[in-house]
PDB file of N, CA and C in Angstrom:
ATOM      1  N   MET A   1      17.336  -9.703 -26.401  1.00  0.00           N
ATOM      2  CA  MET A   1      17.224  -9.035 -24.785  1.00  0.00           C
ATOM      3  C   MET A   1      18.312  -8.621 -23.962  1.00  0.00           C
ATOM      4  N   SER A   2      18.570  -7.240 -23.668  1.00  0.00           N
ATOM      5  CA  SER A   2      19.858  -6.469 -22.774  1.00  0.00           C
ATOM      6  C   SER A   2      20.258  -6.995 -21.884  1.00  0.00           C
ATOM      7  N   GLU A   3      21.467  -6.697 -20.983  1.00  0.00           N
ATOM      8  CA  GLU A   3      21.659  -6.898 -19.889  1.00  0.00           C
ATOM      9  C   GLU A   3      21.034  -6.692 -18.855  1.00  0.00           C
ATOM     10  N   THR A   4      20.251  -5.621 -19.226  1.00  0.00           N
ATOM     11  CA  THR A   4      19.716  -4.758 -18.006  1.00  0.00           C
ATOM     12  C   THR A   4      18.179  -5.120 -18.263  1.00  0.00           C
ATOM     13  N   GLU A   5      17.452  -5.857 -18.639  1.00  0.00           N
ATOM     14  CA  GLU A   5      15.960  -5.723 -19.030  1.00  0.00           C
ATOM     15  C   GLU A   5      15.444  -6.117 -18.120  1.00  0.00           C
ATOM     16  N   THR A   6      14.419  -5.259 -17.374  1.00  0.00           N
ATOM     17  CA  THR A   6      13.424  -5.651 -16.324  1.00  0.00           C
ATOM     18  C   THR A   6      12.352  -5.649 -17.148  1.00  0.00           C
ATOM     19  N   VAL A   7      11.049  -6.442 -16.111  1.00  0.00           N
ATOM     20  CA  VAL A   7       9.767  -6.342 -16.586  1.00  0.00           C
ATOM     21  C   VAL A   7       9.123  -5.961 -15.203  1.00  0.00           C
ATOM     22  N   GLU A   8       8.405  -4.832 -15.316  1.00  0.00           N
ATOM     23  CA  GLU A   8       7.589  -4.364 -13.790  1.00  0.00           C
ATOM     24  C   GLU A   8       6.053  -4.645 -14.202  1.00  0.00           C
ATOM     25  N   VAL A   9       5.608  -5.328 -13.135  1.00  0.00           N
ATOM     26  CA  VAL A   9       4.204  -5.853 -13.142  1.00  0.00           C
ATOM     27  C   VAL A   9       3.476  -5.091 -11.754  1.00  0.00           C
ATOM     28  N   THR A  10       2.218  -4.458 -12.560  1.00  0.00           N
ATOM     29  CA  THR A  10       1.370  -3.752 -11.046  1.00  0.00           C
ATOM     30  C   THR A  10       0.725  -4.681 -10.713  1.00  0.00           C
ATOM     31  N   LEU A  11       0.494  -5.313  -9.201  1.00  0.00           N
ATOM     32  CA  LEU A  11      -0.269  -5.919  -8.653  1.00  0.00           C
ATOM     33  C   LEU A  11      -1.504  -5.305  -9.243  1.00  0.00           C
ATOM     34  N   LYS A  12      -2.929  -6.316  -9.211  1.00  0.00           N
ATOM     35  CA  LYS A  12      -4.250  -5.454  -8.977  1.00  0.00           C
ATOM     36  C   LYS A  12      -4.851  -5.568  -7.419  1.00  0.00           C
ATOM     37  N   LYS A  13      -3.645  -6.579  -7.015  1.00  0.00           N
ATOM     38  CA  LYS A  13      -4.293  -6.531  -5.183  1.00  0.00           C
ATOM     39  C   LYS A  13      -2.966  -6.392  -4.697  1.00  0.00           C
ATOM     40  N   PRO A  14      -2.535  -4.884  -4.496  1.00  0.00           N
ATOM     41  CA  PRO A  14      -1.565  -4.766  -3.208  1.00  0.00           C
ATOM     42  C   PRO A  14      -0.925  -5.962  -2.336  1.00  0.00           C
ATOM     43  N   VAL A  15       0.146  -6.146  -1.887  1.00  0.00           N
ATOM     44  CA  VAL A  15       0.545  -7.131  -0.719  1.00  0.00           C
ATOM     45  C   VAL A  15       1.154  -6.091   0.280  1.00  0.00           C
ATOM     46  N   THR A  16       0.566  -5.956   1.522  1.00  0.00           N
ATOM     47  CA  THR A  16       1.062  -5.694   2.894  1.00  0.00           C
ATOM     48  C   THR A  16       1.988  -6.475   3.618  1.00  0.00           C
ATOM     49  N   HIS A  17       3.129  -6.109   3.546  1.00  0.00           N
ATOM     50  CA  HIS A  17       4.047  -6.706   4.760  1.00  0.00           C
ATOM     51  C   HIS A  17       4.896  -5.715   5.496  1.00  0.00           C
ATOM     52  N   ASP A  18       5.016  -6.334   6.836  1.00  0.00           N
ATOM     53  CA  ASP A  18       5.781  -5.563   7.704  1.00  0.00           C
ATOM     54  C   ASP A  18       5.184  -4.146   7.580  1.00  0.00           C
ATOM     55  N   GLY A  19       4.465  -3.884   7.407  1.00  0.00           N
ATOM     56  CA  GLY A  19       3.496  -2.509   7.238  1.00  0.00           C
ATOM     57  C   GLY A  19       3.529  -1.874   6.463  1.00  0.00           C
ATOM     58  N   LYS A  20       4.144  -2.199   5.200  1.00  0.00           N
ATOM     59  CA  LYS A  20       4.562  -1.657   3.839  1.00  0.00           C
ATOM     60  C   LYS A  20       3.680  -2.171   2.508  1.00  0.00           C
ATOM     61  N   THR A  21       3.143  -1.396   2.160  1.00  0.00           N
ATOM     62  CA  THR A  21       2.456  -1.905   0.761  1.00  0.00           C
ATOM     63  C   THR A  21       3.338  -2.254  -0.069  1.00  0.00           C
ATOM     64  N   ILE A  22       3.407  -2.964  -0.854  1.00  0.00           N
ATOM     65  CA  ILE A  22       3.885  -3.278  -2.573  1.00  0.00           C
ATOM     66  C   ILE A  22       2.860  -3.561  -3.363  1.00  0.00           C
ATOM     67  N   ASP A  23       2.802  -2.723  -4.195  1.00  0.00           N
ATOM     68  CA  ASP A  23       2.036  -2.727  -5.338  1.00  0.00           C
ATOM     69  C   ASP A  23       2.248  -3.011  -6.607  1.00  0.00           C
ATOM     70  N   LYS A  24       3.719  -3.280  -6.781  1.00  0.00           N
ATOM     71  CA  LYS A  24       4.288  -3.206  -8.200  1.00  0.00           C
ATOM     72  C   LYS A  24       5.596  -4.107  -7.606  1.00  0.00           C
ATOM     73  N   LEU A  25       6.062  -5.086  -8.862  1.00  0.00           N
ATOM     74  CA  LEU A  25       7.070  -5.801  -8.871  1.00  0.00           C
ATOM     75  C   LEU A  25       8.053  -5.735  -9.772  1.00  0.00           C
ATOM     76  N   THR A  26       9.410  -5.008  -9.947  1.00  0.00           N
ATOM     77  CA  THR A  26      10.279  -5.410 -11.048  1.00  0.00           C
ATOM     78  C   THR A  26      10.789  -6.808 -11.237  1.00  0.00           C
ATOM     79  N   PHE A  27      11.180  -7.218 -12.028  1.00  0.00           N
ATOM     80  CA  PHE A  27      11.769  -8.568 -12.024  1.00  0.00           C
ATOM     81  C   PHE A  27      12.859  -8.453 -13.348  1.00  0.00           C
ATOM     82  N   ARG A  28      14.339  -9.171 -12.895  1.00  0.00           N
ATOM     83  CA  ARG A  28      15.488  -9.078 -13.681  1.00  0.00           C
ATOM     84  C   ARG A  28      15.175 -10.277 -14.064  1.00  0.00           C
ATOM     85  N   GLU A  29      16.529 -10.581 -15.098  1.00  0.00           N
ATOM     86  CA  GLU A  29      16.354 -11.870 -15.710  1.00  0.00           C
ATOM     87  C   GLU A  29      17.184 -12.914 -15.122  1.00  0.00           C
ATOM     88  N   ALA A  30      16.531 -14.154 -15.416  1.00  0.00           N
ATOM     89  CA  ALA A  30      16.895 -15.141 -14.385  1.00  0.00           C
ATOM     90  C   ALA A  30      18.328 -15.373 -14.240  1.00  0.00           C
ATOM     91  N   GLU A  31      19.386 -15.829 -13.539  1.00  0.00           N
ATOM     92  CA  GLU A  31      20.608 -16.508 -14.151  1.00  0.00           C
ATOM     93  C   GLU A  31      20.370 -18.009 -13.390  1.00  0.00           C
ATOM     94  N   LEU A  32      21.299 -18.701 -13.855  1.00  0.00           N
ATOM     95  CA  LEU A  32      21.354 -20.225 -13.594  1.00  0.00           C
ATOM     96  C   LEU A  32      20.934 -20.503 -12.100  1.00  0.00           C
ATOM     97  N   GLY A  33      21.843 -19.520 -11.376  1.00  0.00           N
ATOM     98  CA  GLY A  33      22.146 -19.793 -10.044  1.00  0.00           C
ATOM     99  C   GLY A  33      20.322 -19.851  -9.284  1.00  0.00           C
ATOM    100  N   ASP A  34      19.694 -18.512  -9.994  1.00  0.00           N
ATOM    101  CA  ASP A  34      18.286 -18.444  -9.530  1.00  0.00           C
ATOM    102  C   ASP A  34      17.342 -19.840  -9.897  1.00  0.00           C
ATOM    103  N   LEU A  35      17.590 -20.125 -10.872  1.00  0.00           N
ATOM    104  CA  LEU A  35      17.159 -21.670 -11.227  1.00  0.00           C
ATOM    105  C   LEU A  35      17.399 -22.640 -10.257  1.00  0.00           C
ATOM    106  N   ALA A  36      18.618 -23.026 -10.363  1.00  0.00           N
ATOM    107  CA  ALA A  36      19.364 -23.818  -9.237  1.00  0.00           C
ATOM    108  C   ALA A  36      18.770 -23.677  -7.806  1.00  0.00           C
ATOM    109  N   ALA A  37      18.834 -22.565  -7.175  1.00  0.00           N
ATOM    110  CA  ALA A  37      17.956 -22.342  -5.976  1.00  0.00           C
ATOM    111  C   ALA A  37      16.434 -22.890  -5.785  1.00  0.00           C
ATOM    112  N   THR A  38      15.706 -23.172  -6.533  1.00  0.00           N
ATOM    113  CA  THR A  38      14.824 -23.636  -6.671  1.00  0.00           C
ATOM    114  C   THR A  38      14.432 -25.094  -6.395  1.00  0.00           C
ATOM    115  N   ASP A  39      15.732 -25.661  -6.503  1.00  0.00           N
ATOM    116  CA  ASP A  39      15.591 -27.479  -6.594  1.00  0.00           C
ATOM    117  C   ASP A  39      15.379 -27.759  -4.975  1.00  0.00           C
ATOM    118  N   ALA A  40      15.523 -26.659  -3.993  1.00  0.00           N
ATOM    119  CA  ALA A  40      15.460 -26.900  -2.495  1.00  0.00           C
ATOM    120  C   ALA A  40      13.641 -27.116  -2.337  1.00  0.00           C
ATOM    121  N   ALA A  41      13.376 -26.671  -3.324  1.00  0.00           N
ATOM    122  CA  ALA A  41      11.611 -26.341  -2.927  1.00  0.00           C
ATOM    123  C   ALA A  41      10.720 -27.818  -3.418  1.00  0.00           C
ATOM    124  N   GLN A  42       9.834 -27.879  -2.944  1.00  0.00           N
ATOM    125  CA  GLN A  42       9.051 -29.203  -3.232  1.00  0.00           C
ATOM    126  C   GLN A  42       7.789 -28.525  -3.882  1.00  0.00           C
ATOM    127  N   GLY A  43       7.571 -29.208  -5.184  1.00  0.00           N
ATOM    128  CA  GLY A  43       6.390 -28.715  -5.755  1.00  0.00           C
ATOM    129  C   GLY A  43       6.441 -27.301  -6.917  1.00  0.00           C
ATOM    130  N   GLY A  44       6.054 -27.772  -8.036  1.00  0.00           N
ATOM    131  CA  GLY A  44       6.479 -26.399  -8.874  1.00  0.00           C
ATOM    132  C   GLY A  44       5.629 -25.214  -8.413  1.00  0.00           C
ATOM    133  N   ILE A  45       4.676 -24.733  -7.777  1.00  0.00           N
ATOM    134  CA  ILE A  45       4.262 -23.581  -6.383  1.00  0.00           C
ATOM    135  C   ILE A  45       5.369 -23.192  -5.685  1.00  0.00           C
ATOM    136  N   GLY A  46       5.869 -23.895  -5.059  1.00  0.00           N
ATOM    137  CA  GLY A  46       7.295 -23.780  -4.169  1.00  0.00           C
ATOM    138  C   GLY A  46       8.563 -23.331  -5.373  1.00  0.00           C
ATOM    139  N   LYS A  47       8.629 -23.933  -6.032  1.00  0.00           N
ATOM    140  CA  LYS A  47       9.752 -23.510  -7.015  1.00  0.00           C
ATOM    141  C   LYS A  47       9.523 -22.163  -7.515  1.00  0.00           C
ATOM    142  N   THR A  48       8.044 -21.959  -8.023  1.00  0.00           N
ATOM    143  CA  THR A  48       7.614 -20.871  -8.479  1.00  0.00           C
ATOM    144  C   THR A  48       8.057 -19.362  -7.682  1.00  0.00           C
ATOM    145  N   ILE A  49       7.484 -19.702  -5.955  1.00  0.00           N
ATOM    146  CA  ILE A  49       7.728 -18.527  -5.181  1.00  0.00           C
ATOM    147  C   ILE A  49       8.982 -18.620  -4.869  1.00  0.00           C
ATOM    148  N   LEU A  50       9.924 -19.228  -5.088  1.00  0.00           N
ATOM    149  CA  LEU A  50      11.228 -19.039  -4.879  1.00  0.00           C
ATOM    150  C   LEU A  50      11.989 -18.428  -6.005  1.00  0.00           C
ATOM    151  N   LEU A  51      11.277 -18.335  -7.091  1.00  0.00           N
ATOM    152  CA  LEU A  51      12.152 -17.646  -8.240  1.00  0.00           C
ATOM    153  C   LEU A  51      11.509 -16.596  -8.376  1.00  0.00           C
ATOM    154  N   ILE A  52       9.920 -16.206  -7.911  1.00  0.00           N
ATOM    155  CA  ILE A  52       9.482 -14.775  -7.655  1.00  0.00           C
ATOM    156  C   ILE A  52      10.181 -13.940  -7.052  1.00  0.00           C
ATOM    157  N   ALA A  53      10.598 -15.049  -6.000  1.00  0.00           N
ATOM    158  CA  ALA A  53      10.718 -13.915  -4.625  1.00  0.00           C
ATOM    159  C   ALA A  53      12.432 -13.439  -5.422  1.00  0.00           C
ATOM    160  N   ALA A  54      13.100 -14.270  -5.734  1.00  0.00           N
ATOM    161  CA  ALA A  54      14.821 -13.911  -6.000  1.00  0.00           C
ATOM    162  C   ALA A  54      14.410 -13.246  -7.673  1.00  0.00           C
ATOM    163  N   LEU A  55      14.010 -13.094  -8.441  1.00  0.00           N
ATOM    164  CA  LEU A  55      13.811 -12.194  -9.545  1.00  0.00           C
ATOM    165  C   LEU A  55      13.423 -10.940  -9.352  1.00  0.00           C
ATOM    166  N   SER A  56      12.454 -10.444  -8.393  1.00  0.00           N
ATOM    167  CA  SER A  56      11.947  -9.469  -7.597  1.00  0.00           C
ATOM    168  C   SER A  56      12.572  -8.838  -6.560  1.00  0.00           C
ATOM    169  N   GLY A  57      13.800  -9.540  -5.909  1.00  0.00           N
ATOM    170  CA  GLY A  57      14.224  -9.198  -4.923  1.00  0.00           C
ATOM    171  C   GLY A  57      13.307  -8.698  -3.754  1.00  0.00           C
ATOM    172  N   THR A  58      12.253  -9.448  -3.423  1.00  0.00           N
ATOM    173  CA  THR A  58      11.938  -9.663  -2.673  1.00  0.00           C
ATOM    174  C   THR A  58      11.556 -10.816  -1.492  1.00  0.00           C
ATOM    175  N   THR A  59      11.324 -11.031  -0.567  1.00  0.00           N
ATOM    176  CA  THR A  59      11.168 -12.161   0.288  1.00  0.00           C
ATOM    177  C   THR A  59      10.318 -13.317  -0.169  1.00  0.00           C
ATOM    178  N   GLU A  60      10.616 -14.523   0.201  1.00  0.00           N
ATOM    179  CA  GLU A  60       9.841 -15.379   0.107  1.00  0.00           C
ATOM    180  C   GLU A  60       8.299 -15.177   0.806  1.00  0.00           C
ATOM    181  N   ALA A  61       8.577 -14.678   2.043  1.00  0.00           N
ATOM    182  CA  ALA A  61       7.296 -14.255   2.605  1.00  0.00           C
ATOM    183  C   ALA A  61       6.303 -13.508   2.139  1.00  0.00           C
ATOM    184  N   VAL A  62       6.897 -12.262   1.684  1.00  0.00           N
ATOM    185  CA  VAL A  62       6.229 -11.361   0.787  1.00  0.00           C
ATOM    186  C   VAL A  62       5.770 -11.989  -0.709  1.00  0.00           C
ATOM    187  N   THR A  63       6.515 -12.846  -1.161  1.00  0.00           N
ATOM    188  CA  THR A  63       5.695 -13.581  -2.292  1.00  0.00           C
ATOM    189  C   THR A  63       4.971 -14.436  -2.293  1.00  0.00           C
ATOM    190  N   ARG A  64       4.958 -15.125  -0.864  1.00  0.00           N
ATOM    191  CA  ARG A  64       3.387 -16.248  -0.586  1.00  0.00           C
ATOM    192  C   ARG A  64       2.006 -15.071  -0.469  1.00  0.00           C
ATOM    193  N   LYS A  65       2.255 -13.763  -0.321  1.00  0.00           N
ATOM    194  CA  LYS A  65       1.155 -13.258   0.098  1.00  0.00           C
ATOM    195  C   LYS A  65       0.331 -12.759  -1.580  1.00  0.00           C
ATOM    196  N   ILE A  66       1.254 -12.886  -2.582  1.00  0.00           N
ATOM    197  CA  ILE A  66       0.737 -12.466  -3.827  1.00  0.00           C
ATOM    198  C   ILE A  66      -0.532 -13.334  -3.913  1.00  0.00           C
ATOM    199  N   LYS A  67      -1.448 -12.705  -4.627  1.00  0.00           N
ATOM    200  CA  LYS A  67      -2.775 -13.355  -5.173  1.00  0.00           C
ATOM    201  C   LYS A  67      -2.817 -13.963  -6.206  1.00  0.00           C
ATOM    202  N   ALA A  68      -3.589 -15.110  -6.180  1.00  0.00           N
ATOM    203  CA  ALA A  68      -3.339 -16.243  -7.800  1.00  0.00           C
ATOM    204  C   ALA A  68      -3.604 -15.052  -8.784  1.00  0.00           C
ATOM    205  N   SER A  69      -4.508 -14.180  -8.906  1.00  0.00           N
ATOM    206  CA  SER A  69      -4.904 -13.896 -10.068  1.00  0.00           C
ATOM    207  C   SER A  69      -4.067 -12.401 -10.496  1.00  0.00           C
ATOM    208  N   ASP A  70      -2.843 -12.321 -10.040  1.00  0.00           N
ATOM    209  CA  ASP A  70      -1.699 -11.300 -10.192  1.00  0.00           C
ATOM    210  C   ASP A  70      -0.305 -12.354 -10.339  1.00  0.00           C
ATOM    211  N   LEU A  71      -0.592 -13.660 -10.005  1.00  0.00           N
ATOM    212  CA  LEU A  71       0.351 -14.712 -10.432  1.00  0.00           C
ATOM    213  C   LEU A  71       0.368 -14.972 -11.860  1.00  0.00           C
ATOM    214  N   ASP A  72      -1.339 -15.364 -12.695  1.00  0.00           N
ATOM    215  CA  ASP A  72      -0.888 -15.573 -13.803  1.00  0.00           C
ATOM    216  C   ASP A  72      -0.665 -14.025 -14.675  1.00  0.00           C
ATOM    217  N   VAL A  73      -0.482 -13.080 -14.049  1.00  0.00           N
ATOM    218  CA  VAL A  73      -0.300 -12.053 -14.738  1.00  0.00           C
ATOM    219  C   VAL A  73       1.612 -12.063 -15.025  1.00  0.00           C
ATOM    220  N   ILE A  74       2.046 -12.332 -13.477  1.00  0.00           N
ATOM    221  CA  ILE A  74       3.470 -12.399 -13.247  1.00  0.00           C
ATOM    222  C   ILE A  74       4.146 -13.261 -14.361  1.00  0.00           C
ATOM    223  N   LEU A  75       3.344 -14.489 -13.948  1.00  0.00           N
ATOM    224  CA  LEU A  75       4.087 -15.727 -15.093  1.00  0.00           C
ATOM    225  C   LEU A  75       4.117 -15.025 -16.716  1.00  0.00           C
ATOM    226  N   LYS A  76       3.158 -14.648 -17.302  1.00  0.00           N
ATOM    227  CA  LYS A  76       3.292 -14.344 -18.372  1.00  0.00           C
ATOM    228  C   LYS A  76       4.194 -13.204 -18.762  1.00  0.00           C
ATOM    229  N   LYS A  77       4.285 -12.338 -17.987  1.00  0.00           N
ATOM    230  CA  LYS A  77       5.188 -11.102 -18.072  1.00  0.00           C
ATOM    231  C   LYS A  77       6.595 -11.564 -17.952  1.00  0.00           C
ATOM    232  N   ILE A  78       7.094 -12.262 -17.336  1.00  0.00           N
ATOM    233  CA  ILE A  78       8.261 -12.921 -16.714  1.00  0.00           C
ATOM    234  C   ILE A  78       8.709 -14.238 -17.650  1.00  0.00           C
ATOM    235  N   GLU A  79       8.121 -14.704 -18.405  1.00  0.00           N
ATOM    236  CA  GLU A  79       8.267 -15.580 -19.305  1.00  0.00           C
ATOM    237  C   GLU A  79       9.687 -15.601 -19.943  1.00  0.00           C
ATOM    238  N   PRO A  80       9.669 -14.392 -20.680  1.00  0.00           N
ATOM    239  CA  PRO A  80      11.123 -14.046 -21.821  1.00  0.00           C
ATOM    240  C   PRO A  80      12.422 -14.024 -20.769  1.00  0.00           C
ATOM    241  N   LEU A  81      12.074 -13.837 -19.404  1.00  0.00           N
ATOM    242  CA  LEU A  81      13.078 -13.560 -18.643  1.00  0.00           C
ATOM    243  C   LEU A  81      13.964 -15.304 -18.127  1.00  0.00           C
ATOM    244  N   VAL A  82      12.955 -16.153 -18.136  1.00  0.00           N
ATOM    245  CA  VAL A  82      13.223 -17.422 -17.255  1.00  0.00           C
ATOM    246  C   VAL A  82      13.421 -18.504 -18.665  1.00  0.00           C
ATOM    247  N   GLY A  83      13.424 -18.570 -19.601  1.00  0.00           N
ATOM    248  CA  GLY A  83      13.789 -19.262 -20.675  1.00  0.00           C
ATOM    249  C   GLY A  83      12.613 -20.389 -20.389  1.00  0.00           C
ATOM    250  N   SER A  84      12.782 -21.570 -20.390  1.00  0.00           N
ATOM    251  CA  SER A  84      11.768 -22.792 -20.667  1.00  0.00           C
ATOM    252  C   SER A  84      11.745 -23.209 -19.150  1.00  0.00           C
ATOM    253  N   PHE A  85      11.800 -22.226 -18.170  1.00  0.00           N
ATOM    254  CA  PHE A  85      11.907 -23.238 -16.554  1.00  0.00           C
ATOM    255  C   PHE A  85      10.505 -23.363 -16.352  1.00  0.00           C
ATOM    256  N   PHE A  86       9.360 -22.661 -16.758  1.00  0.00           N
ATOM    257  CA  PHE A  86       8.083 -22.988 -16.161  1.00  0.00           C
ATOM    258  C   PHE A  86       7.692 -24.009 -16.778  1.00  0.00           C
ATOM    259  N   THR A  87       8.158 -23.993 -18.230  1.00  0.00           N
ATOM    260  CA  THR A  87       7.439 -25.488 -19.445  1.00  0.00           C
ATOM    261  C   THR A  87       8.376 -26.846 -18.528  1.00  0.00           C
ATOM    262  N   GLN A  88       9.469 -26.859 -18.210  1.00  0.00           N
ATOM    263  CA  GLN A  88      10.119 -27.676 -17.497  1.00  0.00           C
ATOM    264  C   GLN A  88       9.852 -28.375 -16.763  1.00  0.00           C
ATOM    265  N   ASN A  89       9.312 -27.408 -15.487  1.00  0.00           N
ATOM    266  CA  ASN A  89       9.126 -27.558 -14.251  1.00  0.00           C
ATOM    267  C   ASN A  89       7.476 -27.432 -13.263  1.00  0.00           C
ATOM    268  N   ALA A  90       6.547 -27.836 -14.993  1.00  0.00           N
ATOM    269  CA  ALA A  90       5.050 -27.615 -14.578  1.00  0.00           C
ATOM    270  C   ALA A  90       4.902 -28.660 -13.551  1.00  0.00           C
TER     271      ALA A  90
END
């Protein structure tokens, strides 16, 4: 994986926040600091929300509006960017 590798995910159900529609997210590779920041969250979904927000450059508020059907696609596509994070924090 190159240092600049990113993954783009087009949302099946766009999110509207502060009058803006978000229909795709671009994720970067996780850094250890991103993973450590999720320790403050309660439960697996809380950790997932924080990590998605960090890797996509969005806010937690935006991430909370993502539909569950889009979450499944996001998790599959970002798996190479997060190592074993989801298997260890399930």
